[in-house]
Amino acid sequence: MEKEIVRKIIESVFAEHGGEAARKVVMYHLENVLKVSPSDALEKPEEFVKALKAIYGSFESYVEAEICKKLAEEYRVNYSGNSLVELANELRSKRRSR
């Protein structure tokens, strides 16, 4: 269930920055060319960010920031940064402290 939520959020960001066709192309490239699953973005954030850089180039930081914003909202964490790696670490810490 959690992986589905992460995937939907990430796909929505891709669609916001190029429409449905761009979302499909980015998803295809991630999964079939780079072998990276958006569903695993919080489990393997370094790998996911590296893949985003390969696709988006310098625009990656903006896409990553948008993904972080939406994930932070979904998980109700007070995170204002733009690093998926930092956000994933914060979410792990939050889970451990429960």
N, C-alpha and C. Protein backbone atom coordinates (compact mmCIF):
# COMPACT_ATOMS: atom_id res chain seq x y z
N MET A 1 0.81 -1.20 0.00
CA MET A 1 0.00 0.00 0.00
C MET A 1 0.86 1.26 0.00
N GLU A 2 1.86 1.31 0.88
CA GLU A 2 2.72 2.49 0.95
C GLU A 2 3.45 2.71 -0.38
N LYS A 3 3.94 1.63 -0.98
CA LYS A 3 4.66 1.78 -2.24
C LYS A 3 3.76 2.32 -3.34
N GLU A 4 2.48 1.94 -3.31
CA GLU A 4 1.54 2.45 -4.30
C GLU A 4 1.34 3.96 -4.13
N ILE A 5 1.28 4.41 -2.89
CA ILE A 5 1.12 5.83 -2.61
C ILE A 5 2.32 6.61 -3.12
N VAL A 6 3.51 6.11 -2.81
CA VAL A 6 4.74 6.77 -3.26
C VAL A 6 4.77 6.85 -4.78
N ARG A 7 4.44 5.74 -5.43
CA ARG A 7 4.44 5.70 -6.89
C ARG A 7 3.45 6.72 -7.47
N LYS A 8 2.25 6.78 -6.93
CA LYS A 8 1.24 7.70 -7.44
C LYS A 8 1.66 9.15 -7.28
N ILE A 9 2.27 9.46 -6.15
CA ILE A 9 2.74 10.82 -5.92
C ILE A 9 3.82 11.18 -6.93
N ILE A 10 4.77 10.28 -7.12
CA ILE A 10 5.86 10.55 -8.06
C ILE A 10 5.33 10.68 -9.49
N GLU A 11 4.44 9.80 -9.86
CA GLU A 11 3.86 9.89 -11.21
C GLU A 11 3.09 11.20 -11.40
N SER A 12 2.43 11.66 -10.35
CA SER A 12 1.68 12.92 -10.48
C SER A 12 2.63 14.09 -10.72
N VAL A 13 3.79 14.07 -10.08
CA VAL A 13 4.78 15.13 -10.30
C VAL A 13 5.28 15.08 -11.74
N PHE A 14 5.56 13.88 -12.24
CA PHE A 14 6.01 13.76 -13.64
C PHE A 14 4.95 14.32 -14.59
N ALA A 15 3.69 14.01 -14.32
CA ALA A 15 2.60 14.48 -15.19
C ALA A 15 2.45 16.00 -15.12
N GLU A 16 2.69 16.57 -13.94
CA GLU A 16 2.59 18.03 -13.79
C GLU A 16 3.65 18.75 -14.62
N HIS A 17 4.73 18.08 -14.92
CA HIS A 17 5.83 18.70 -15.67
C HIS A 17 5.98 18.07 -17.04
N GLY A 18 4.90 18.09 -17.79
CA GLY A 18 4.97 17.60 -19.16
C GLY A 18 3.75 16.86 -19.63
N GLY A 19 2.79 16.68 -18.75
CA GLY A 19 1.56 16.00 -19.14
C GLY A 19 1.67 14.49 -19.08
N GLU A 20 0.60 13.86 -19.51
CA GLU A 20 0.50 12.40 -19.45
C GLU A 20 1.53 11.71 -20.33
N ALA A 21 1.79 12.26 -21.50
CA ALA A 21 2.78 11.64 -22.39
C ALA A 21 4.16 11.66 -21.75
N ALA A 22 4.52 12.77 -21.14
CA ALA A 22 5.83 12.86 -20.48
C ALA A 22 5.90 11.88 -19.31
N ARG A 23 4.82 11.77 -18.56
CA ARG A 23 4.79 10.83 -17.44
C ARG A 23 5.09 9.41 -17.93
N LYS A 24 4.43 9.03 -19.01
CA LYS A 24 4.63 7.68 -19.56
C LYS A 24 6.06 7.46 -20.02
N VAL A 25 6.63 8.44 -20.68
CA VAL A 25 8.01 8.32 -21.17
C VAL A 25 8.99 8.22 -20.01
N VAL A 26 8.83 9.08 -19.00
CA VAL A 26 9.73 9.06 -17.85
C VAL A 26 9.60 7.73 -17.10
N MET A 27 8.38 7.27 -16.90
CA MET A 27 8.17 6.00 -16.20
C MET A 27 8.79 4.85 -16.98
N TYR A 28 8.61 4.84 -18.28
CA TYR A 28 9.21 3.78 -19.10
C TYR A 28 10.72 3.80 -18.96
N HIS A 29 11.30 4.98 -19.08
CA HIS A 29 12.76 5.11 -19.00
C HIS A 29 13.28 4.67 -17.63
N LEU A 30 12.60 5.11 -16.58
CA LEU A 30 13.02 4.71 -15.22
C LEU A 30 13.00 3.20 -15.06
N GLU A 31 11.86 2.60 -15.39
CA GLU A 31 11.66 1.18 -15.10
C GLU A 31 12.34 0.24 -16.08
N ASN A 32 12.33 0.57 -17.35
CA ASN A 32 12.83 -0.36 -18.36
C ASN A 32 14.26 -0.10 -18.82
N VAL A 33 14.69 1.13 -18.78
CA VAL A 33 16.05 1.45 -19.21
C VAL A 33 16.99 1.52 -18.00
N LEU A 34 16.59 2.29 -16.99
CA LEU A 34 17.45 2.46 -15.82
C LEU A 34 17.20 1.43 -14.72
N LYS A 35 16.12 0.67 -14.87
CA LYS A 35 15.77 -0.40 -13.91
C LYS A 35 15.60 0.13 -12.48
N VAL A 36 14.90 1.26 -12.37
CA VAL A 36 14.63 1.88 -11.08
C VAL A 36 13.12 2.01 -10.93
N SER A 37 12.61 1.54 -9.81
CA SER A 37 11.17 1.62 -9.57
C SER A 37 10.84 2.83 -8.70
N PRO A 38 9.95 3.68 -9.16
CA PRO A 38 9.53 4.82 -8.34
C PRO A 38 8.95 4.38 -7.00
N SER A 39 8.38 3.20 -6.96
CA SER A 39 7.81 2.67 -5.72
C SER A 39 8.87 2.52 -4.63
N ASP A 40 10.12 2.35 -5.03
CA ASP A 40 11.22 2.15 -4.09
C ASP A 40 11.98 3.44 -3.78
N ALA A 41 11.43 4.57 -4.16
CA ALA A 41 12.14 5.84 -4.00
C ALA A 41 12.52 6.16 -2.57
N LEU A 42 11.69 5.78 -1.62
CA LEU A 42 12.01 6.06 -0.22
C LEU A 42 12.94 5.01 0.38
N GLU A 43 12.98 3.84 -0.22
CA GLU A 43 13.88 2.78 0.25
C GLU A 43 15.28 2.91 -0.35
N LYS A 44 15.35 3.41 -1.57
CA LYS A 44 16.61 3.58 -2.29
C LYS A 44 16.68 4.99 -2.88
N PRO A 45 16.66 6.01 -2.02
CA PRO A 45 16.57 7.38 -2.55
C PRO A 45 17.78 7.81 -3.37
N GLU A 46 18.97 7.36 -3.01
CA GLU A 46 20.17 7.75 -3.77
C GLU A 46 20.08 7.24 -5.21
N GLU A 47 19.65 6.01 -5.35
CA GLU A 47 19.51 5.40 -6.68
C GLU A 47 18.43 6.12 -7.49
N PHE A 48 17.33 6.46 -6.84
CA PHE A 48 16.24 7.13 -7.52
C PHE A 48 16.65 8.53 -7.98
N VAL A 49 17.33 9.27 -7.12
CA VAL A 49 17.78 10.62 -7.47
C VAL A 49 18.78 10.57 -8.63
N LYS A 50 19.66 9.60 -8.60
CA LYS A 50 20.63 9.44 -9.69
C LYS A 50 19.90 9.21 -11.03
N ALA A 51 18.85 8.40 -10.98
CA ALA A 51 18.06 8.15 -12.19
C ALA A 51 17.34 9.42 -12.66
N LEU A 52 16.81 10.18 -11.71
CA LEU A 52 16.16 11.45 -12.08
C LEU A 52 17.15 12.38 -12.77
N LYS A 53 18.38 12.43 -12.25
CA LYS A 53 19.40 13.29 -12.87
C LYS A 53 19.71 12.85 -14.28
N ALA A 54 19.72 11.54 -14.51
CA ALA A 54 19.99 11.02 -15.85
C ALA A 54 18.89 11.42 -16.83
N ILE A 55 17.68 11.53 -16.33
CA ILE A 55 16.54 11.88 -17.20
C ILE A 55 16.37 13.38 -17.34
N TYR A 56 16.37 14.09 -16.22
CA TYR A 56 16.02 15.51 -16.22
C TYR A 56 17.20 16.47 -16.29
N GLY A 57 18.40 15.99 -16.06
CA GLY A 57 19.55 16.89 -16.06
C GLY A 57 19.43 17.93 -14.97
N SER A 58 19.68 19.19 -15.28
CA SER A 58 19.66 20.25 -14.27
C SER A 58 18.25 20.52 -13.73
N PHE A 59 17.22 20.10 -14.42
CA PHE A 59 15.84 20.28 -13.96
C PHE A 59 15.49 19.28 -12.85
N GLU A 60 16.36 18.31 -12.63
CA GLU A 60 16.12 17.27 -11.62
C GLU A 60 15.88 17.84 -10.25
N SER A 61 16.64 18.85 -9.87
CA SER A 61 16.50 19.39 -8.51
C SER A 61 15.10 19.95 -8.28
N TYR A 62 14.51 20.53 -9.30
CA TYR A 62 13.14 21.05 -9.18
C TYR A 62 12.13 19.91 -9.02
N VAL A 63 12.29 18.87 -9.84
CA VAL A 63 11.40 17.71 -9.77
C VAL A 63 11.54 17.03 -8.41
N GLU A 64 12.77 16.87 -7.94
CA GLU A 64 13.01 16.26 -6.63
C GLU A 64 12.36 17.08 -5.51
N ALA A 65 12.46 18.39 -5.58
CA ALA A 65 11.84 19.26 -4.57
C ALA A 65 10.33 19.09 -4.57
N GLU A 66 9.73 19.00 -5.74
CA GLU A 66 8.28 18.82 -5.83
C GLU A 66 7.86 17.47 -5.25
N ILE A 67 8.63 16.44 -5.54
CA ILE A 67 8.34 15.11 -4.99
C ILE A 67 8.44 15.16 -3.47
N CYS A 68 9.47 15.79 -2.94
CA CYS A 68 9.64 15.91 -1.49
C CYS A 68 8.46 16.63 -0.85
N LYS A 69 8.05 17.71 -1.46
CA LYS A 69 6.93 18.49 -0.92
C LYS A 69 5.68 17.64 -0.81
N LYS A 70 5.35 16.91 -1.86
CA LYS A 70 4.14 16.09 -1.87
C LYS A 70 4.24 14.90 -0.91
N LEU A 71 5.42 14.29 -0.85
CA LEU A 71 5.60 13.17 0.09
C LEU A 71 5.51 13.64 1.53
N ALA A 72 6.11 14.79 1.82
CA ALA A 72 6.05 15.34 3.18
C ALA A 72 4.60 15.63 3.58
N GLU A 73 3.83 16.16 2.65
CA GLU A 73 2.41 16.41 2.92
C GLU A 73 1.68 15.09 3.19
N GLU A 74 1.93 14.11 2.36
CA GLU A 74 1.26 12.81 2.50
C GLU A 74 1.58 12.15 3.84
N TYR A 75 2.84 12.23 4.25
CA TYR A 75 3.27 11.58 5.49
C TYR A 75 3.20 12.50 6.70
N ARG A 76 2.70 13.71 6.47
CA ARG A 76 2.50 14.68 7.56
C ARG A 76 3.76 14.91 8.38
N VAL A 77 4.83 15.20 7.67
CA VAL A 77 6.07 15.56 8.35
C VAL A 77 6.39 17.00 8.02
N ASN A 78 6.99 17.68 8.95
CA ASN A 78 7.38 19.06 8.76
C ASN A 78 8.76 19.07 8.10
N TYR A 79 8.76 18.98 6.78
CA TYR A 79 10.01 18.94 6.03
C TYR A 79 9.94 19.97 4.93
N SER A 80 10.86 20.91 4.94
CA SER A 80 10.83 21.96 3.94
C SER A 80 12.03 21.89 2.99
N GLY A 81 12.82 20.83 3.11
CA GLY A 81 13.99 20.68 2.23
C GLY A 81 13.61 20.16 0.86
N ASN A 82 14.63 19.94 0.06
CA ASN A 82 14.38 19.43 -1.29
C ASN A 82 15.25 18.22 -1.61
N SER A 83 15.66 17.48 -0.58
CA SER A 83 16.48 16.29 -0.78
C SER A 83 15.67 15.04 -0.43
N LEU A 84 15.48 14.19 -1.41
CA LEU A 84 14.76 12.95 -1.19
C LEU A 84 15.51 12.05 -0.21
N VAL A 85 16.82 12.09 -0.26
CA VAL A 85 17.63 11.29 0.67
C VAL A 85 17.37 11.74 2.10
N GLU A 86 17.39 13.04 2.35
CA GLU A 86 17.13 13.57 3.69
C GLU A 86 15.70 13.26 4.15
N LEU A 87 14.74 13.41 3.26
CA LEU A 87 13.35 13.12 3.60
C LEU A 87 13.19 11.64 3.95
N ALA A 88 13.77 10.75 3.17
CA ALA A 88 13.69 9.32 3.46
C ALA A 88 14.28 9.01 4.82
N ASN A 89 15.40 9.64 5.14
CA ASN A 89 16.02 9.44 6.45
C ASN A 89 15.11 9.95 7.57
N GLU A 90 14.49 11.07 7.36
CA GLU A 90 13.59 11.63 8.37
C GLU A 90 12.38 10.71 8.58
N LEU A 91 11.85 10.17 7.50
CA LEU A 91 10.71 9.27 7.63
C LEU A 91 11.11 7.98 8.36
N ARG A 92 12.32 7.49 8.09
CA ARG A 92 12.81 6.30 8.81
C ARG A 92 12.92 6.60 10.30
N SER A 93 13.45 7.74 10.64
CA SER A 93 13.59 8.13 12.05
C SER A 93 12.23 8.24 12.73
N LYS A 94 11.30 8.81 12.02
CA LYS A 94 9.93 8.96 12.54
C LYS A 94 9.32 7.59 12.85
N ARG A 95 9.54 6.64 11.96
CA ARG A 95 8.99 5.29 12.15
C ARG A 95 9.63 4.61 13.35
N ARG A 96 10.93 4.80 13.53
CA ARG A 96 11.64 4.17 14.64
C ARG A 96 11.18 4.71 16.00
N SER A 97 10.81 5.99 16.00
CA SER A 97 10.43 6.62 17.26
C SER A 97 8.99 6.32 17.68
N ARG A 98 8.26 5.64 16.87
CA ARG A 98 6.86 5.32 17.22
C ARG A 98 6.79 4.31 18.31
